[in-house]
N, C-alpha and C. Protein backbone atom coordinates (compact mmCIF):
# COMPACT_ATOMS: atom_id res chain seq x y z
N UNK A 1 -23.38 -3.27 -20.35
CA UNK A 1 -24.15 -4.44 -20.71
C UNK A 1 -24.11 -5.50 -19.63
N UNK A 2 -23.01 -5.55 -18.90
CA UNK A 2 -22.86 -6.59 -17.90
C UNK A 2 -23.11 -6.08 -16.49
N UNK A 3 -23.27 -4.78 -16.32
CA UNK A 3 -23.41 -4.22 -14.99
C UNK A 3 -24.65 -3.36 -14.88
N UNK A 4 -24.54 -2.33 -14.12
CA UNK A 4 -25.64 -1.41 -13.87
C UNK A 4 -25.56 -0.22 -14.83
N UNK A 5 -26.69 0.40 -15.07
CA UNK A 5 -26.72 1.62 -15.87
C UNK A 5 -26.37 2.78 -14.97
N UNK A 6 -25.45 3.61 -15.43
CA UNK A 6 -25.03 4.78 -14.67
C UNK A 6 -25.05 5.98 -15.61
N UNK A 7 -25.78 7.02 -15.25
CA UNK A 7 -25.79 8.20 -16.11
C UNK A 7 -24.46 8.93 -16.05
N UNK A 8 -24.02 9.43 -17.20
CA UNK A 8 -22.83 10.27 -17.23
C UNK A 8 -23.18 11.54 -18.00
N UNK A 9 -22.40 12.58 -17.78
CA UNK A 9 -22.64 13.84 -18.47
C UNK A 9 -22.57 13.64 -19.98
N UNK A 10 -23.44 14.33 -20.68
CA UNK A 10 -23.49 14.23 -22.13
C UNK A 10 -22.14 14.58 -22.76
N UNK A 11 -21.49 15.62 -22.23
CA UNK A 11 -20.20 16.03 -22.79
C UNK A 11 -19.14 14.94 -22.61
N UNK A 12 -19.19 14.21 -21.49
CA UNK A 12 -18.24 13.13 -21.28
C UNK A 12 -18.54 11.97 -22.22
N UNK A 13 -19.81 11.68 -22.39
CA UNK A 13 -20.20 10.59 -23.29
C UNK A 13 -19.71 10.88 -24.70
N UNK A 14 -19.91 12.10 -25.16
CA UNK A 14 -19.48 12.47 -26.51
C UNK A 14 -17.96 12.39 -26.63
N UNK A 15 -17.25 12.83 -25.60
CA UNK A 15 -15.79 12.79 -25.61
C UNK A 15 -15.29 11.35 -25.65
N UNK A 16 -15.89 10.50 -24.84
CA UNK A 16 -15.49 9.09 -24.81
C UNK A 16 -15.81 8.42 -26.14
N UNK A 17 -16.95 8.74 -26.73
CA UNK A 17 -17.29 8.18 -28.04
C UNK A 17 -16.23 8.52 -29.07
N UNK A 18 -15.76 9.77 -29.07
CA UNK A 18 -14.72 10.18 -30.02
C UNK A 18 -13.42 9.41 -29.76
N UNK A 19 -13.05 9.28 -28.51
CA UNK A 19 -11.83 8.56 -28.16
C UNK A 19 -11.90 7.12 -28.64
N UNK A 20 -13.02 6.47 -28.33
CA UNK A 20 -13.20 5.06 -28.71
C UNK A 20 -13.20 4.91 -30.23
N UNK A 21 -13.90 5.81 -30.90
CA UNK A 21 -14.03 5.72 -32.35
C UNK A 21 -12.71 6.00 -33.06
N UNK A 22 -12.02 7.05 -32.65
CA UNK A 22 -10.83 7.48 -33.38
C UNK A 22 -9.56 6.80 -32.88
N UNK A 23 -9.28 6.92 -31.60
CA UNK A 23 -8.06 6.34 -31.06
C UNK A 23 -8.18 4.82 -30.94
N UNK A 24 -9.35 4.36 -30.53
CA UNK A 24 -9.56 2.93 -30.35
C UNK A 24 -9.96 2.20 -31.61
N UNK A 25 -10.06 2.93 -32.73
CA UNK A 25 -10.45 2.31 -34.01
C UNK A 25 -11.72 1.49 -33.91
N UNK A 26 -12.65 1.92 -33.08
CA UNK A 26 -13.91 1.21 -32.87
C UNK A 26 -13.70 -0.25 -32.43
N UNK A 27 -12.54 -0.52 -31.84
CA UNK A 27 -12.25 -1.89 -31.40
C UNK A 27 -12.55 -2.10 -29.92
N UNK A 28 -12.82 -1.02 -29.20
CA UNK A 28 -13.24 -1.16 -27.81
C UNK A 28 -14.56 -0.43 -27.64
N UNK A 29 -15.30 -0.84 -26.65
CA UNK A 29 -16.60 -0.22 -26.38
C UNK A 29 -16.44 0.87 -25.33
N UNK A 30 -17.47 1.67 -25.21
CA UNK A 30 -17.49 2.67 -24.14
C UNK A 30 -17.40 1.98 -22.79
N UNK A 31 -18.08 0.85 -22.65
CA UNK A 31 -18.01 0.07 -21.41
C UNK A 31 -16.56 -0.28 -21.09
N UNK A 32 -15.82 -0.81 -22.08
CA UNK A 32 -14.43 -1.20 -21.85
C UNK A 32 -13.56 0.00 -21.49
N UNK A 33 -13.78 1.11 -22.16
CA UNK A 33 -13.01 2.31 -21.88
C UNK A 33 -13.22 2.76 -20.43
N UNK A 34 -14.48 2.88 -20.04
CA UNK A 34 -14.79 3.33 -18.67
C UNK A 34 -14.29 2.32 -17.65
N UNK A 35 -14.42 1.04 -17.94
CA UNK A 35 -13.92 0.00 -17.04
C UNK A 35 -12.41 0.14 -16.85
N UNK A 36 -11.68 0.39 -17.92
CA UNK A 36 -10.23 0.57 -17.82
C UNK A 36 -9.87 1.83 -17.04
N UNK A 37 -10.61 2.91 -17.25
CA UNK A 37 -10.36 4.15 -16.52
C UNK A 37 -10.59 3.93 -15.02
N UNK A 38 -11.70 3.27 -14.67
CA UNK A 38 -11.98 3.00 -13.26
C UNK A 38 -10.95 2.07 -12.65
N UNK A 39 -10.54 1.06 -13.39
CA UNK A 39 -9.51 0.14 -12.89
C UNK A 39 -8.23 0.89 -12.57
N UNK A 40 -7.81 1.78 -13.46
CA UNK A 40 -6.60 2.57 -13.21
C UNK A 40 -6.78 3.50 -12.02
N UNK A 41 -7.97 4.11 -11.92
CA UNK A 41 -8.26 5.00 -10.79
C UNK A 41 -8.13 4.25 -9.46
N UNK A 42 -8.71 3.06 -9.39
CA UNK A 42 -8.64 2.29 -8.14
C UNK A 42 -7.22 1.86 -7.83
N UNK A 43 -6.43 1.52 -8.86
CA UNK A 43 -5.03 1.17 -8.63
C UNK A 43 -4.26 2.37 -8.10
N UNK A 44 -4.48 3.54 -8.70
CA UNK A 44 -3.74 4.74 -8.32
C UNK A 44 -4.12 5.25 -6.93
N UNK A 45 -5.38 5.11 -6.56
CA UNK A 45 -5.86 5.73 -5.33
C UNK A 45 -6.34 4.73 -4.27
N UNK A 46 -5.98 3.48 -4.42
CA UNK A 46 -6.45 2.45 -3.48
C UNK A 46 -6.10 2.79 -2.04
N UNK A 47 -4.88 3.17 -1.79
CA UNK A 47 -4.46 3.47 -0.41
C UNK A 47 -5.28 4.62 0.17
N UNK A 48 -5.47 5.67 -0.60
CA UNK A 48 -6.25 6.82 -0.13
C UNK A 48 -7.71 6.43 0.12
N UNK A 49 -8.26 5.65 -0.78
CA UNK A 49 -9.66 5.23 -0.64
C UNK A 49 -9.84 4.39 0.61
N UNK A 50 -8.95 3.44 0.82
CA UNK A 50 -9.04 2.56 2.01
C UNK A 50 -8.88 3.39 3.28
N UNK A 51 -7.93 4.31 3.27
CA UNK A 51 -7.71 5.15 4.44
C UNK A 51 -8.95 5.97 4.77
N UNK A 52 -9.51 6.65 3.78
CA UNK A 52 -10.70 7.47 4.02
C UNK A 52 -11.90 6.61 4.42
N UNK A 53 -12.04 5.46 3.79
CA UNK A 53 -13.13 4.56 4.13
C UNK A 53 -13.03 4.12 5.59
N UNK A 54 -11.83 3.72 6.00
CA UNK A 54 -11.64 3.26 7.38
C UNK A 54 -11.83 4.38 8.40
N UNK A 55 -11.49 5.61 8.02
CA UNK A 55 -11.71 6.75 8.91
C UNK A 55 -13.19 7.01 9.14
N UNK A 56 -13.99 6.78 8.14
CA UNK A 56 -15.42 7.11 8.22
C UNK A 56 -16.30 5.91 8.59
N UNK A 57 -15.74 4.73 8.52
CA UNK A 57 -16.52 3.51 8.80
C UNK A 57 -16.22 3.02 10.22
N UNK A 58 -17.27 2.81 10.98
CA UNK A 58 -17.08 2.25 12.31
C UNK A 58 -17.80 0.92 12.39
N UNK A 59 -17.21 0.00 13.12
CA UNK A 59 -17.82 -1.31 13.29
C UNK A 59 -19.10 -1.18 14.09
N UNK A 60 -20.04 -2.08 13.83
CA UNK A 60 -21.32 -2.01 14.55
C UNK A 60 -21.24 -2.70 15.92
N UNK A 61 -20.17 -3.45 16.17
CA UNK A 61 -20.00 -4.08 17.48
C UNK A 61 -18.68 -3.72 18.08
């Protein structure tokens, strides 16, 4: 709702819906769930992402 629309696999959408509905007691949205998953992913892999980004990115000057 606050960002961009991104398509996800139907099977993942259905799985996330079940998680949110049952485990989350319908108290969190799919948006919040995915946002939390991405936040954790970036925390866990920040060093690797930065390293790979810097290896592939060259300055223009």
